[in-house]
Amino acid sequence: MATQTLTQHNFDEVVTGNDVVLVDFWADWCGPCKSFAPTFEASATKHPDVVHGKVDTESEQGLAAAANIRSIPTIMAFREGVLVFAQPGALPPAALEDLVTQVKALDMDEVRKQLAEQQAGAEQPEA
């Protein structure tokens, strides 16, 4: 499956409407982004069950700002609509493959439980 262009208009729908979504935040002028593109494309072909989305940070500046992108390329992974990984820098093919494997293997009930505990802890006033 080819990569999918993500925009401010379809980002939320794609992320929440698919089980696993990898997102590559990139720009045309970025050398490391261009070097990483074939690796990301190869992963999209190898894993048709995983949506591989690309966000052009130049044309989607609002989306990049909302995602708090400070450096490109930045790779994000979502599982069942939950952000489970975010890291700037191009990943080598083996690391990207490992990321896909780990995201697919996540116990999302446990992830949601941990998120709820973190949020509850953040909401408690300090003594």
C-alpha atoms as a PDB file:
ATOM      1  CA  MET A   1       0.000   0.000   0.000  1.00  0.00           C
ATOM      2  CA  ALA A   2       1.331   3.439  -0.872  1.00  0.00           C
ATOM      3  CA  THR A   3       1.808   6.208   1.630  1.00  0.00           C
ATOM      4  CA  GLN A   4      -1.108   8.549   2.223  1.00  0.00           C
ATOM      5  CA  THR A   5      -0.937  12.334   2.316  1.00  0.00           C
ATOM      6  CA  LEU A   6      -2.258  13.657   5.600  1.00  0.00           C
ATOM      7  CA  THR A   7      -3.633  17.164   5.954  1.00  0.00           C
ATOM      8  CA  GLN A   8      -5.375  19.188   8.621  1.00  0.00           C
ATOM      9  CA  HIS A   9      -8.645  18.032   7.028  1.00  0.00           C
ATOM     10  CA  ASN A  10      -8.077  14.262   7.192  1.00  0.00           C
ATOM     11  CA  PHE A  11      -5.489  13.754   9.961  1.00  0.00           C
ATOM     12  CA  ASP A  12      -7.875  13.028  12.852  1.00  0.00           C
ATOM     13  CA  GLU A  13     -10.103  10.820  10.707  1.00  0.00           C
ATOM     14  CA  VAL A  14      -7.158   8.714   9.507  1.00  0.00           C
ATOM     15  CA  VAL A  15      -5.560   8.419  12.961  1.00  0.00           C
ATOM     16  CA  THR A  16      -8.781   7.485  14.763  1.00  0.00           C
ATOM     17  CA  GLY A  17     -10.225   5.387  11.941  1.00  0.00           C
ATOM     18  CA  ASN A  18      -7.350   2.915  11.609  1.00  0.00           C
ATOM     19  CA  ASP A  19      -5.731   0.451  14.009  1.00  0.00           C
ATOM     20  CA  VAL A  20      -2.081   1.409  13.383  1.00  0.00           C
ATOM     21  CA  VAL A  21      -0.943   4.659  11.766  1.00  0.00           C
ATOM     22  CA  LEU A  22       2.650   5.775  11.244  1.00  0.00           C
ATOM     23  CA  VAL A  23       3.139   9.435  10.385  1.00  0.00           C
ATOM     24  CA  ASP A  24       6.217  10.958   8.776  1.00  0.00           C
ATOM     25  CA  PHE A  25       6.453  14.737   9.230  1.00  0.00           C
ATOM     26  CA  TRP A  26       8.736  15.984   6.452  1.00  0.00           C
ATOM     27  CA  ALA A  27       9.560  18.861   4.097  1.00  0.00           C
ATOM     28  CA  ASP A  28      10.801  18.960   0.516  1.00  0.00           C
ATOM     29  CA  TRP A  29      13.904  20.971   1.420  1.00  0.00           C
ATOM     30  CA  CYS A  30      14.976  18.496   4.159  1.00  0.00           C
ATOM     31  CA  GLY A  31      17.825  16.196   3.088  1.00  0.00           C
ATOM     32  CA  PRO A  32      17.314  13.594   5.848  1.00  0.00           C
ATOM     33  CA  CYS A  33      13.580  13.568   4.995  1.00  0.00           C
ATOM     34  CA  LYS A  34      14.357  12.745   1.369  1.00  0.00           C
ATOM     35  CA  SER A  35      16.801  10.029   2.447  1.00  0.00           C
ATOM     36  CA  PHE A  36      14.181   8.480   4.757  1.00  0.00           C
ATOM     37  CA  ALA A  37      11.357   8.532   2.172  1.00  0.00           C
ATOM     38  CA  PRO A  38      12.326   5.227   0.426  1.00  0.00           C
ATOM     39  CA  THR A  39      12.536   3.454   3.808  1.00  0.00           C
ATOM     40  CA  PHE A  40       9.062   4.716   4.743  1.00  0.00           C
ATOM     41  CA  GLU A  41       7.687   3.732   1.298  1.00  0.00           C
ATOM     42  CA  ALA A  42       9.184   0.231   1.631  1.00  0.00           C
ATOM     43  CA  SER A  43       7.550  -0.178   5.038  1.00  0.00           C
ATOM     44  CA  ALA A  44       4.197   0.897   3.554  1.00  0.00           C
ATOM     45  CA  THR A  45       4.536  -1.797   0.899  1.00  0.00           C
ATOM     46  CA  LYS A  46       5.605  -4.456   3.421  1.00  0.00           C
ATOM     47  CA  HIS A  47       2.828  -3.598   5.920  1.00  0.00           C
ATOM     48  CA  PRO A  48      -0.398  -2.921   3.990  1.00  0.00           C
ATOM     49  CA  ASP A  49      -2.325  -3.281   7.271  1.00  0.00           C
ATOM     50  CA  VAL A  50      -0.548  -0.186   8.666  1.00  0.00           C
ATOM     51  CA  VAL A  51      -1.448   3.263   7.351  1.00  0.00           C
ATOM     52  CA  HIS A  52       1.722   5.160   6.467  1.00  0.00           C
ATOM     53  CA  GLY A  53       0.847   8.845   6.367  1.00  0.00           C
ATOM     54  CA  LYS A  54       3.027  11.774   5.367  1.00  0.00           C
ATOM     55  CA  VAL A  55       2.582  15.362   6.530  1.00  0.00           C
ATOM     56  CA  ASP A  56       4.337  18.053   4.488  1.00  0.00           C
ATOM     57  CA  THR A  57       5.257  20.518   7.232  1.00  0.00           C
ATOM     58  CA  GLU A  58       5.534  23.368   4.724  1.00  0.00           C
ATOM     59  CA  SER A  59       1.991  23.090   3.402  1.00  0.00           C
ATOM     60  CA  GLU A  60       0.540  21.920   6.738  1.00  0.00           C
ATOM     61  CA  GLN A  61       2.188  24.347   9.156  1.00  0.00           C
ATOM     62  CA  GLY A  62      -0.835  24.434  11.464  1.00  0.00           C
ATOM     63  CA  LEU A  63      -0.881  20.647  11.732  1.00  0.00           C
ATOM     64  CA  ALA A  64       2.878  20.545  12.349  1.00  0.00           C
ATOM     65  CA  ALA A  65       2.501  23.180  15.080  1.00  0.00           C
ATOM     66  CA  ALA A  66      -0.410  21.297  16.668  1.00  0.00           C
ATOM     67  CA  ALA A  67       1.747  18.144  16.691  1.00  0.00           C
ATOM     68  CA  ASN A  68       4.556  20.140  18.331  1.00  0.00           C
ATOM     69  CA  ILE A  69       7.013  19.320  15.541  1.00  0.00           C
ATOM     70  CA  ARG A  70      10.373  20.947  16.287  1.00  0.00           C
ATOM     71  CA  SER A  71      12.634  18.887  14.025  1.00  0.00           C
ATOM     72  CA  ILE A  72      12.099  16.926  10.832  1.00  0.00           C
ATOM     73  CA  PRO A  73      11.797  14.228   9.958  1.00  0.00           C
ATOM     74  CA  THR A  74       9.710  13.271  12.968  1.00  0.00           C
ATOM     75  CA  ILE A  75       8.041   9.879  13.125  1.00  0.00           C
ATOM     76  CA  MET A  76       4.877   9.320  15.146  1.00  0.00           C
ATOM     77  CA  ALA A  77       3.008   6.068  15.708  1.00  0.00           C
ATOM     78  CA  PHE A  78      -0.639   5.849  16.696  1.00  0.00           C
ATOM     79  CA  ARG A  79      -2.441   2.709  17.815  1.00  0.00           C
ATOM     80  CA  GLU A  80      -6.240   2.820  18.053  1.00  0.00           C
ATOM     81  CA  GLY A  81      -6.046   6.627  17.978  1.00  0.00           C
ATOM     82  CA  VAL A  82      -3.518   6.852  20.833  1.00  0.00           C
ATOM     83  CA  LEU A  83      -0.070   8.376  20.275  1.00  0.00           C
ATOM     84  CA  VAL A  84       2.334   5.643  21.379  1.00  0.00           C
ATOM     85  CA  PHE A  85       5.614   6.844  19.829  1.00  0.00           C
ATOM     86  CA  ALA A  86       7.107  10.133  18.681  1.00  0.00           C
ATOM     87  CA  GLN A  87      10.728  10.721  17.801  1.00  0.00           C
ATOM     88  CA  PRO A  88      12.611  13.155  15.591  1.00  0.00           C
ATOM     89  CA  GLY A  89      15.140  11.731  13.159  1.00  0.00           C
ATOM     90  CA  ALA A  90      15.142   9.304  10.278  1.00  0.00           C
ATOM     91  CA  LEU A  91      15.001   5.667  11.329  1.00  0.00           C
ATOM     92  CA  PRO A  92      17.084   3.010   9.585  1.00  0.00           C
ATOM     93  CA  PRO A  93      15.011   0.233   7.965  1.00  0.00           C
ATOM     94  CA  ALA A  94      15.589  -2.265  10.797  1.00  0.00           C
ATOM     95  CA  ALA A  95      14.545   0.280  13.443  1.00  0.00           C
ATOM     96  CA  LEU A  96      11.387   1.192  11.515  1.00  0.00           C
ATOM     97  CA  GLU A  97      10.536  -2.496  11.160  1.00  0.00           C
ATOM     98  CA  ASP A  98      11.080  -2.956  14.907  1.00  0.00           C
ATOM     99  CA  LEU A  99       8.815   0.027  15.622  1.00  0.00           C
ATOM    100  CA  VAL A 100       6.010  -1.450  13.495  1.00  0.00           C
ATOM    101  CA  THR A 101       6.368  -4.806  15.264  1.00  0.00           C
ATOM    102  CA  GLN A 102       6.308  -3.214  18.719  1.00  0.00           C
ATOM    103  CA  VAL A 103       3.301  -0.989  17.967  1.00  0.00           C
ATOM    104  CA  LYS A 104       1.331  -3.956  16.608  1.00  0.00           C
ATOM    105  CA  ALA A 105       2.168  -5.975  19.745  1.00  0.00           C
ATOM    106  CA  LEU A 106       1.051  -3.344  22.262  1.00  0.00           C
ATOM    107  CA  ASP A 107      -1.590  -4.314  24.812  1.00  0.00           C
ATOM    108  CA  MET A 108      -3.850  -1.295  24.335  1.00  0.00           C
ATOM    109  CA  ASP A 109      -5.888  -2.039  27.465  1.00  0.00           C
ATOM    110  CA  GLU A 110      -2.671  -1.702  29.455  1.00  0.00           C
ATOM    111  CA  VAL A 111      -1.664   1.451  27.546  1.00  0.00           C
ATOM    112  CA  ARG A 112      -5.038   3.076  28.265  1.00  0.00           C
ATOM    113  CA  LYS A 113      -4.779   2.062  31.937  1.00  0.00           C
ATOM    114  CA  GLN A 114      -1.328   3.671  32.208  1.00  0.00           C
ATOM    115  CA  LEU A 115      -2.565   6.831  30.477  1.00  0.00           C
ATOM    116  CA  ALA A 116      -5.517   7.071  32.847  1.00  0.00           C
ATOM    117  CA  GLU A 117      -3.197   6.663  35.841  1.00  0.00           C
ATOM    118  CA  GLN A 118      -0.857   9.376  34.501  1.00  0.00           C
ATOM    119  CA  GLN A 119      -3.747  11.757  33.920  1.00  0.00           C
ATOM    120  CA  ALA A 120      -5.193  11.079  37.374  1.00  0.00           C
ATOM    121  CA  GLY A 121      -1.794  11.715  38.934  1.00  0.00           C
ATOM    122  CA  ALA A 122      -1.377  14.969  37.002  1.00  0.00           C
ATOM    123  CA  GLU A 123      -4.776  16.192  38.184  1.00  0.00           C
ATOM    124  CA  GLN A 124      -4.083  15.599  41.882  1.00  0.00           C
ATOM    125  CA  PRO A 125      -3.083  18.744  43.774  1.00  0.00           C
ATOM    126  CA  GLU A 126       0.293  18.656  45.431  1.00  0.00           C
ATOM    127  CA  ALA A 127       0.253  18.382  49.224  1.00  0.00           C
END
